[in-house]
C-alpha atoms as a PDB file:
ATOM      1  CA  MET A   1       6.324 -35.200 -50.217  1.00  0.00           C
ATOM      2  CA  ALA A   2       7.667 -37.541 -47.340  1.00  0.00           C
ATOM      3  CA  THR A   3       9.454 -34.703 -45.536  1.00  0.00           C
ATOM      4  CA  HIS A   4       6.129 -32.783 -45.326  1.00  0.00           C
ATOM      5  CA  ASP A   5       4.283 -35.912 -44.025  1.00  0.00           C
ATOM      6  CA  GLY A   6       7.256 -36.378 -41.575  1.00  0.00           C
ATOM      7  CA  ASP A   7       6.828 -32.880 -40.508  1.00  0.00           C
ATOM      8  CA  ARG A   8       3.009 -33.287 -39.958  1.00  0.00           C
ATOM      9  CA  THR A   9       3.712 -36.423 -37.716  1.00  0.00           C
ATOM     10  CA  ALA A  10       6.328 -34.511 -35.830  1.00  0.00           C
ATOM     11  CA  GLY A  11       3.934 -31.939 -35.194  1.00  0.00           C
ATOM     12  CA  ARG A  12       0.821 -34.248 -34.252  1.00  0.00           C
ATOM     13  CA  VAL A  13       3.474 -35.971 -31.844  1.00  0.00           C
ATOM     14  CA  ALA A  14       4.830 -32.697 -30.268  1.00  0.00           C
ATOM     15  CA  ARG A  15       1.001 -31.520 -29.943  1.00  0.00           C
ATOM     16  CA  THR A  16       0.105 -34.964 -28.210  1.00  0.00           C
ATOM     17  CA  ILE A  17       2.983 -34.664 -25.767  1.00  0.00           C
ATOM     18  CA  GLY A  18       1.969 -31.181 -25.116  1.00  0.00           C
ATOM     19  CA  ARG A  19      -1.624 -31.998 -24.480  1.00  0.00           C
ATOM     20  CA  VAL A  20      -0.864 -34.928 -22.306  1.00  0.00           C
ATOM     21  CA  VAL A  21       1.827 -33.062 -20.218  1.00  0.00           C
ATOM     22  CA  LEU A  22      -0.634 -30.035 -19.929  1.00  0.00           C
ATOM     23  CA  GLY A  23      -3.438 -32.638 -18.928  1.00  0.00           C
ATOM     24  CA  GLY A  24      -1.266 -34.359 -16.246  1.00  0.00           C
ATOM     25  CA  PHE A  25      -0.021 -30.600 -14.875  1.00  0.00           C
ATOM     26  CA  LEU A  26      -3.875 -29.582 -14.687  1.00  0.00           C
ATOM     27  CA  ALA A  27      -4.861 -32.934 -12.801  1.00  0.00           C
ATOM     28  CA  PHE A  28      -1.843 -32.550 -10.354  1.00  0.00           C
ATOM     29  CA  ALA A  29      -2.726 -29.163  -9.821  1.00  0.00           C
ATOM     30  CA  GLY A  30      -6.381 -29.656  -9.379  1.00  0.00           C
ATOM     31  CA  THR A  31      -5.405 -32.734  -6.844  1.00  0.00           C
ATOM     32  CA  SER A  32      -3.029 -30.187  -4.761  1.00  0.00           C
ATOM     33  CA  HIS A  33      -6.109 -27.772  -4.733  1.00  0.00           C
ATOM     34  CA  LEU A  34      -8.210 -30.529  -2.642  1.00  0.00           C
ATOM     35  CA  THR A  35      -5.354 -31.979  -0.615  1.00  0.00           C
ATOM     36  CA  PHE A  36      -1.687 -31.001   0.356  1.00  0.00           C
ATOM     37  CA  ALA A  37      -1.770 -27.426  -1.034  1.00  0.00           C
ATOM     38  CA  ARG A  38      -5.504 -26.482  -0.093  1.00  0.00           C
ATOM     39  CA  GLU A  39      -4.583 -23.977   2.717  1.00  0.00           C
ATOM     40  CA  GLU A  40      -1.893 -22.276   0.509  1.00  0.00           C
ATOM     41  CA  PHE A  41      -4.539 -21.589  -2.457  1.00  0.00           C
ATOM     42  CA  GLN A  42      -6.938 -20.327  -0.292  1.00  0.00           C
ATOM     43  CA  ALA A  43      -4.617 -17.816   0.770  1.00  0.00           C
ATOM     44  CA  GLN A  44      -4.203 -17.020  -2.792  1.00  0.00           C
ATOM     45  CA  VAL A  45      -7.784 -16.094  -3.242  1.00  0.00           C
ATOM     46  CA  PRO A  46      -8.424 -12.403  -3.563  1.00  0.00           C
ATOM     47  CA  ALA A  47     -10.924 -11.030  -0.763  1.00  0.00           C
ATOM     48  CA  TRP A  48     -13.082  -9.427  -3.667  1.00  0.00           C
ATOM     49  CA  VAL A  49     -14.215 -12.617  -4.804  1.00  0.00           C
ATOM     50  CA  PRO A  50     -17.738 -13.051  -3.882  1.00  0.00           C
ATOM     51  CA  VAL A  51     -17.652 -16.603  -3.043  1.00  0.00           C
ATOM     52  CA  GLY A  52     -16.057 -18.318   0.132  1.00  0.00           C
ATOM     53  CA  THR A  53     -12.179 -18.973  -0.385  1.00  0.00           C
ATOM     54  CA  ASP A  54     -12.532 -22.687   0.345  1.00  0.00           C
ATOM     55  CA  ALA A  55     -15.465 -22.935  -2.262  1.00  0.00           C
ATOM     56  CA  VAL A  56     -13.336 -21.198  -4.903  1.00  0.00           C
ATOM     57  CA  VAL A  57     -10.293 -23.550  -4.213  1.00  0.00           C
ATOM     58  CA  VAL A  58     -12.209 -26.828  -4.386  1.00  0.00           C
ATOM     59  CA  GLY A  59     -14.294 -25.552  -7.155  1.00  0.00           C
ATOM     60  CA  SER A  60     -11.111 -24.798  -9.301  1.00  0.00           C
ATOM     61  CA  GLY A  61      -9.554 -27.741  -8.161  1.00  0.00           C
ATOM     62  CA  VAL A  62     -12.287 -29.952  -9.479  1.00  0.00           C
ATOM     63  CA  VAL A  63     -12.459 -27.805 -12.718  1.00  0.00           C
ATOM     64  CA  GLU A  64      -8.824 -28.302 -13.021  1.00  0.00           C
ATOM     65  CA  ILE A  65      -9.072 -32.128 -12.453  1.00  0.00           C
ATOM     66  CA  ALA A  66     -11.851 -32.565 -15.088  1.00  0.00           C
ATOM     67  CA  LEU A  67     -10.171 -30.349 -17.657  1.00  0.00           C
ATOM     68  CA  GLY A  68      -6.534 -32.218 -17.116  1.00  0.00           C
ATOM     69  CA  THR A  69      -8.475 -35.431 -17.512  1.00  0.00           C
ATOM     70  CA  ALA A  70     -10.425 -34.452 -20.716  1.00  0.00           C
ATOM     71  CA  LEU A  71      -7.328 -33.190 -22.079  1.00  0.00           C
ATOM     72  CA  VAL A  72      -5.819 -36.577 -22.021  1.00  0.00           C
ATOM     73  CA  VAL A  73      -8.651 -38.825 -22.709  1.00  0.00           C
ATOM     74  CA  ALA A  74     -11.050 -36.784 -24.972  1.00  0.00           C
ATOM     75  CA  PRO A  75     -11.728 -38.070 -28.398  1.00  0.00           C
ATOM     76  CA  ARG A  76     -10.116 -36.310 -31.383  1.00  0.00           C
ATOM     77  CA  ARG A  77     -13.176 -34.426 -32.254  1.00  0.00           C
ATOM     78  CA  TYR A  78     -13.878 -33.049 -28.874  1.00  0.00           C
ATOM     79  CA  ARG A  79     -10.284 -31.845 -28.320  1.00  0.00           C
ATOM     80  CA  PRO A  80     -10.583 -28.280 -29.813  1.00  0.00           C
ATOM     81  CA  TRP A  81     -13.545 -27.634 -27.411  1.00  0.00           C
ATOM     82  CA  VAL A  82     -11.566 -29.010 -24.346  1.00  0.00           C
ATOM     83  CA  GLY A  83      -8.564 -26.747 -25.413  1.00  0.00           C
ATOM     84  CA  ALA A  84     -10.959 -23.814 -25.710  1.00  0.00           C
ATOM     85  CA  ALA A  85     -12.429 -24.615 -22.363  1.00  0.00           C
ATOM     86  CA  ALA A  86      -8.972 -24.900 -20.599  1.00  0.00           C
ATOM     87  CA  ALA A  87      -7.785 -21.622 -22.334  1.00  0.00           C
ATOM     88  CA  ALA A  88     -11.021 -19.881 -20.957  1.00  0.00           C
ATOM     89  CA  PHE A  89     -10.170 -21.514 -17.624  1.00  0.00           C
ATOM     90  CA  PHE A  90      -6.746 -19.987 -17.630  1.00  0.00           C
ATOM     91  CA  VAL A  91      -8.087 -16.541 -18.712  1.00  0.00           C
ATOM     92  CA  ALA A  92     -10.681 -16.711 -15.838  1.00  0.00           C
ATOM     93  CA  ILE A  93      -8.028 -17.316 -13.078  1.00  0.00           C
ATOM     94  CA  PHE A  94      -5.818 -14.588 -14.372  1.00  0.00           C
ATOM     95  CA  PRO A  95      -7.391 -11.881 -12.393  1.00  0.00           C
ATOM     96  CA  GLY A  96      -6.513 -13.853  -9.284  1.00  0.00           C
ATOM     97  CA  ASN A  97      -2.848 -13.749 -10.393  1.00  0.00           C
ATOM     98  CA  VAL A  98      -2.879 -10.019 -10.988  1.00  0.00           C
ATOM     99  CA  ALA A  99      -4.496  -9.550  -7.527  1.00  0.00           C
ATOM    100  CA  GLN A 100      -1.624 -11.738  -5.804  1.00  0.00           C
ATOM    101  CA  TYR A 101       0.912  -9.437  -7.569  1.00  0.00           C
ATOM    102  CA  LEU A 102      -1.089  -6.084  -6.546  1.00  0.00           C
ATOM    103  CA  GLU A 103      -1.784  -7.236  -2.902  1.00  0.00           C
ATOM    104  CA  GLY A 104       1.778  -8.787  -2.415  1.00  0.00           C
ATOM    105  CA  LYS A 105       0.448 -12.177  -1.221  1.00  0.00           C
ATOM    106  CA  ASP A 106       3.234 -14.916  -0.995  1.00  0.00           C
ATOM    107  CA  GLY A 107       2.796 -18.253  -2.027  1.00  0.00           C
ATOM    108  CA  PHE A 108       4.380 -21.184  -3.834  1.00  0.00           C
ATOM    109  CA  GLY A 109       7.903 -19.613  -3.670  1.00  0.00           C
ATOM    110  CA  LEU A 110       6.446 -16.133  -5.141  1.00  0.00           C
ATOM    111  CA  ASP A 111       7.678 -14.066  -2.159  1.00  0.00           C
ATOM    112  CA  THR A 112       8.725 -10.980  -3.816  1.00  0.00           C
ATOM    113  CA  ASP A 113       6.783  -8.528  -6.035  1.00  0.00           C
ATOM    114  CA  ALA A 114       9.696  -9.354  -9.195  1.00  0.00           C
ATOM    115  CA  LYS A 115       8.709 -12.987  -8.886  1.00  0.00           C
ATOM    116  CA  ARG A 116       4.877 -12.276  -8.727  1.00  0.00           C
ATOM    117  CA  LEU A 117       5.273 -10.123 -11.747  1.00  0.00           C
ATOM    118  CA  ALA A 118       7.293 -12.405 -13.519  1.00  0.00           C
ATOM    119  CA  ARG A 119       4.552 -15.176 -13.132  1.00  0.00           C
ATOM    120  CA  LEU A 120       1.960 -13.164 -15.001  1.00  0.00           C
ATOM    121  CA  PRO A 121       3.115 -13.752 -18.750  1.00  0.00           C
ATOM    122  CA  PHE A 122       3.385 -17.245 -17.918  1.00  0.00           C
ATOM    123  CA  GLN A 123      -0.648 -17.367 -18.039  1.00  0.00           C
ATOM    124  CA  GLY A 124      -0.544 -16.391 -21.528  1.00  0.00           C
ATOM    125  CA  LEU A 125       1.775 -19.211 -22.489  1.00  0.00           C
ATOM    126  CA  LEU A 126      -0.732 -21.473 -20.958  1.00  0.00           C
ATOM    127  CA  VAL A 127      -3.680 -20.255 -22.703  1.00  0.00           C
ATOM    128  CA  VAL A 128      -1.692 -20.685 -26.183  1.00  0.00           C
ATOM    129  CA  TRP A 129      -0.297 -24.194 -24.867  1.00  0.00           C
ATOM    130  CA  ALA A 130      -4.017 -25.235 -24.442  1.00  0.00           C
ATOM    131  CA  LEU A 131      -4.974 -23.943 -27.809  1.00  0.00           C
ATOM    132  CA  TRP A 132      -2.014 -25.281 -29.704  1.00  0.00           C
ATOM    133  CA  SER A 133      -1.859 -28.824 -28.123  1.00  0.00           C
ATOM    134  CA  THR A 134      -5.516 -29.597 -28.682  1.00  0.00           C
ATOM    135  CA  GLY A 135      -5.960 -28.239 -32.286  1.00  0.00           C
ATOM    136  CA  ALA A 136      -8.068 -25.561 -31.079  1.00  0.00           C
ATOM    137  CA  TRP A 137      -6.252 -22.747 -32.906  1.00  0.00           C
ATOM    138  CA  ARG A 138      -6.211 -24.611 -35.980  1.00  0.00           C
ATOM    139  CA  ALA A 139      -9.736 -25.506 -35.947  1.00  0.00           C
ATOM    140  CA  TRP A 140     -10.860 -21.893 -35.308  1.00  0.00           C
ATOM    141  CA  ARG A 141      -8.628 -20.688 -38.013  1.00  0.00           C
ATOM    142  CA  ALA A 142     -10.210 -23.229 -40.335  1.00  0.00           C
ATOM    143  CA  HIS A 143     -13.607 -22.249 -39.450  1.00  0.00           C
ATOM    144  CA  ARG A 144     -12.858 -18.653 -39.879  1.00  0.00           C
ATOM    145  CA  ARG A 145     -11.784 -19.561 -43.795  1.00  0.00           C
ATOM    146  CA  ARG A 146     -15.165 -21.168 -44.530  1.00  0.00           C
END
């Protein structure tokens, strides 16, 4: 039994570290949207987005800061909701990543089609990371069993 409890504790610690790291990553990315990388992010906004590029960059930056902060400080009972919101955000911005590949837009070291294409699967990993680290995946599975 002690081994099972140790495994459970190790899993909880891993999820906590994962959640805090993801939160820090999002808060940093959001801050960069609003400050030193703003122009580079503006260049990434697809032309078909019906909102001004600066509004998209500022809006997504604010959302990233809010999600990153919530991932770190939200009480345990709200974490699955925060994880689901972060996962939904990663899904929502994925078309922009696809557009960057299809339109051949350079940015953040992604200066070849191969690099832009290689980036795309990582968006799925971010979705899984958000759901796993917040317990959203576990909460959804538990809810389905009821």
